[in-house]
Amino acid sequence: MDATSRIPGDTPIARTAVDDDEEATDALLRAARRAHVDLDEADPQLYDQIDAGALDSLTAHSRANERSGDFVLVADLWDRTFVVRPDAVEVYP
């Protein structure tokens, strides 16, 4: 099963663009806030579930490489599905 087959067919409850000078992890956290995740109370914390440095490196590499437009990472966090692409993060219920 590839990551794109795990993307829900529903409309996302939050979508955040990843700014050109922004790390993907920061955009993921902004998207989580928009999806009403209380990050102060979230258990487990993001860094206990995802290697932020690896995520940021993967998305930075994909942004720099024009041929990697198919990059997508799907992660289940805090009872929601997060879809991370080099240019945006979407959150699904």
C-alpha atoms as a PDB file:
ATOM      1  CA  MET A   1       0.000   0.000   0.000  1.00  0.00           C
ATOM      2  CA  ASP A   2       1.437   3.385  -0.940  1.00  0.00           C
ATOM      3  CA  ALA A   3       0.891   6.561   1.068  1.00  0.00           C
ATOM      4  CA  THR A   4      -1.539   8.085  -1.415  1.00  0.00           C
ATOM      5  CA  SER A   5      -3.936   5.176  -0.945  1.00  0.00           C
ATOM      6  CA  ARG A   6      -4.127   6.104   2.760  1.00  0.00           C
ATOM      7  CA  ILE A   7      -5.255   9.696   2.101  1.00  0.00           C
ATOM      8  CA  PRO A   8      -8.883  10.013   3.222  1.00  0.00           C
ATOM      9  CA  GLY A   9     -11.475  10.906   0.609  1.00  0.00           C
ATOM     10  CA  ASP A  10     -13.077  13.436   2.966  1.00  0.00           C
ATOM     11  CA  THR A  11     -12.494  17.153   2.901  1.00  0.00           C
ATOM     12  CA  PRO A  12      -9.644  18.113   5.248  1.00  0.00           C
ATOM     13  CA  ILE A  13     -10.642  19.858   8.463  1.00  0.00           C
ATOM     14  CA  ALA A  14      -7.498  21.988   8.241  1.00  0.00           C
ATOM     15  CA  ARG A  15      -4.974  22.833   5.543  1.00  0.00           C
ATOM     16  CA  THR A  16      -1.787  24.816   6.024  1.00  0.00           C
ATOM     17  CA  ALA A  17       0.624  25.905   3.327  1.00  0.00           C
ATOM     18  CA  VAL A  18       4.286  25.274   4.060  1.00  0.00           C
ATOM     19  CA  ASP A  19       6.041  28.609   3.605  1.00  0.00           C
ATOM     20  CA  ASP A  20       9.235  28.604   1.525  1.00  0.00           C
ATOM     21  CA  ASP A  21      11.404  29.361   4.566  1.00  0.00           C
ATOM     22  CA  GLU A  22       9.469  27.116   6.972  1.00  0.00           C
ATOM     23  CA  GLU A  23      10.230  23.630   8.240  1.00  0.00           C
ATOM     24  CA  ALA A  24       7.541  21.021   7.561  1.00  0.00           C
ATOM     25  CA  THR A  25       7.359  20.219  11.267  1.00  0.00           C
ATOM     26  CA  ASP A  26       6.377  23.819  12.068  1.00  0.00           C
ATOM     27  CA  ALA A  27       3.666  23.703   9.398  1.00  0.00           C
ATOM     28  CA  LEU A  28       2.425  20.382  10.809  1.00  0.00           C
ATOM     29  CA  LEU A  29       2.115  21.949  14.261  1.00  0.00           C
ATOM     30  CA  ARG A  30       0.255  24.966  12.807  1.00  0.00           C
ATOM     31  CA  ALA A  31      -2.116  22.606  10.997  1.00  0.00           C
ATOM     32  CA  ALA A  32      -2.698  20.678  14.228  1.00  0.00           C
ATOM     33  CA  ARG A  33      -3.657  23.902  16.011  1.00  0.00           C
ATOM     34  CA  ARG A  34      -6.063  24.754  13.179  1.00  0.00           C
ATOM     35  CA  ALA A  35      -7.600  21.305  13.628  1.00  0.00           C
ATOM     36  CA  HIS A  36      -8.102  22.126  17.332  1.00  0.00           C
ATOM     37  CA  VAL A  37      -5.420  19.814  18.703  1.00  0.00           C
ATOM     38  CA  ASP A  38      -4.412  21.091  22.140  1.00  0.00           C
ATOM     39  CA  LEU A  39      -0.677  20.704  21.730  1.00  0.00           C
ATOM     40  CA  ASP A  40      -0.023  21.579  25.373  1.00  0.00           C
ATOM     41  CA  GLU A  41      -2.110  18.590  26.460  1.00  0.00           C
ATOM     42  CA  ALA A  42      -1.389  16.272  23.524  1.00  0.00           C
ATOM     43  CA  ASP A  43      -0.102  12.896  24.581  1.00  0.00           C
ATOM     44  CA  PRO A  44       2.150  11.659  23.172  1.00  0.00           C
ATOM     45  CA  GLN A  45       3.987  14.734  21.962  1.00  0.00           C
ATOM     46  CA  LEU A  46       4.886  15.077  18.279  1.00  0.00           C
ATOM     47  CA  TYR A  47       8.584  14.457  18.909  1.00  0.00           C
ATOM     48  CA  ASP A  48       7.739  11.133  20.573  1.00  0.00           C
ATOM     49  CA  GLN A  49       6.005  10.003  17.365  1.00  0.00           C
ATOM     50  CA  ILE A  50       7.957  11.535  14.470  1.00  0.00           C
ATOM     51  CA  ASP A  51      11.612  12.342  13.945  1.00  0.00           C
ATOM     52  CA  ALA A  52      11.201  16.062  13.194  1.00  0.00           C
ATOM     53  CA  GLY A  53      14.682  16.406  11.725  1.00  0.00           C
ATOM     54  CA  ALA A  54      14.065  13.557   9.307  1.00  0.00           C
ATOM     55  CA  LEU A  55      10.678  14.971   8.267  1.00  0.00           C
ATOM     56  CA  ASP A  56      12.176  18.412   7.688  1.00  0.00           C
ATOM     57  CA  SER A  57      15.079  16.940   5.712  1.00  0.00           C
ATOM     58  CA  LEU A  58      12.783  14.832   3.536  1.00  0.00           C
ATOM     59  CA  THR A  59      10.514  17.732   2.667  1.00  0.00           C
ATOM     60  CA  ALA A  60      13.444  20.104   2.086  1.00  0.00           C
ATOM     61  CA  HIS A  61      14.988  17.555  -0.273  1.00  0.00           C
ATOM     62  CA  SER A  62      11.673  17.174  -2.107  1.00  0.00           C
ATOM     63  CA  ARG A  63      11.326  20.947  -2.500  1.00  0.00           C
ATOM     64  CA  ALA A  64      14.840  21.164  -3.948  1.00  0.00           C
ATOM     65  CA  ASN A  65      14.271  18.292  -6.367  1.00  0.00           C
ATOM     66  CA  GLU A  66      11.726  19.167  -9.055  1.00  0.00           C
ATOM     67  CA  ARG A  67      11.101  15.519  -9.917  1.00  0.00           C
ATOM     68  CA  SER A  68       9.930  14.589  -6.416  1.00  0.00           C
ATOM     69  CA  GLY A  69       6.509  16.206  -6.677  1.00  0.00           C
ATOM     70  CA  ASP A  70       4.923  12.917  -5.641  1.00  0.00           C
ATOM     71  CA  PHE A  71       6.360  13.091  -2.106  1.00  0.00           C
ATOM     72  CA  VAL A  72       3.649  12.519   0.480  1.00  0.00           C
ATOM     73  CA  LEU A  73       3.812  11.330   4.070  1.00  0.00           C
ATOM     74  CA  VAL A  74       0.686  10.136   5.869  1.00  0.00           C
ATOM     75  CA  ALA A  75       0.772   9.960   9.659  1.00  0.00           C
ATOM     76  CA  ASP A  76      -1.889   9.175  12.236  1.00  0.00           C
ATOM     77  CA  LEU A  77      -1.429  11.611  15.109  1.00  0.00           C
ATOM     78  CA  TRP A  78      -3.794  12.591  17.939  1.00  0.00           C
ATOM     79  CA  ASP A  79      -6.749  10.665  16.455  1.00  0.00           C
ATOM     80  CA  ARG A  80      -6.418  12.513  13.140  1.00  0.00           C
ATOM     81  CA  THR A  81      -4.731  11.780   9.826  1.00  0.00           C
ATOM     82  CA  PHE A  82      -2.041  14.227   8.725  1.00  0.00           C
ATOM     83  CA  VAL A  83      -0.968  14.377   5.093  1.00  0.00           C
ATOM     84  CA  VAL A  84       2.364  16.144   4.625  1.00  0.00           C
ATOM     85  CA  ARG A  85       3.507  17.293   1.211  1.00  0.00           C
ATOM     86  CA  PRO A  86       6.407  19.634   0.427  1.00  0.00           C
ATOM     87  CA  ASP A  87       3.994  22.556  -0.042  1.00  0.00           C
ATOM     88  CA  ALA A  88       1.148  21.839   2.421  1.00  0.00           C
ATOM     89  CA  VAL A  89      -0.097  19.894   5.423  1.00  0.00           C
ATOM     90  CA  GLU A  90      -3.688  18.656   5.550  1.00  0.00           C
ATOM     91  CA  VAL A  91      -5.531  17.253   8.561  1.00  0.00           C
ATOM     92  CA  TYR A  92      -8.413  14.790   8.296  1.00  0.00           C
ATOM     93  CA  PRO A  93     -10.813  13.597  11.007  1.00  0.00           C
END
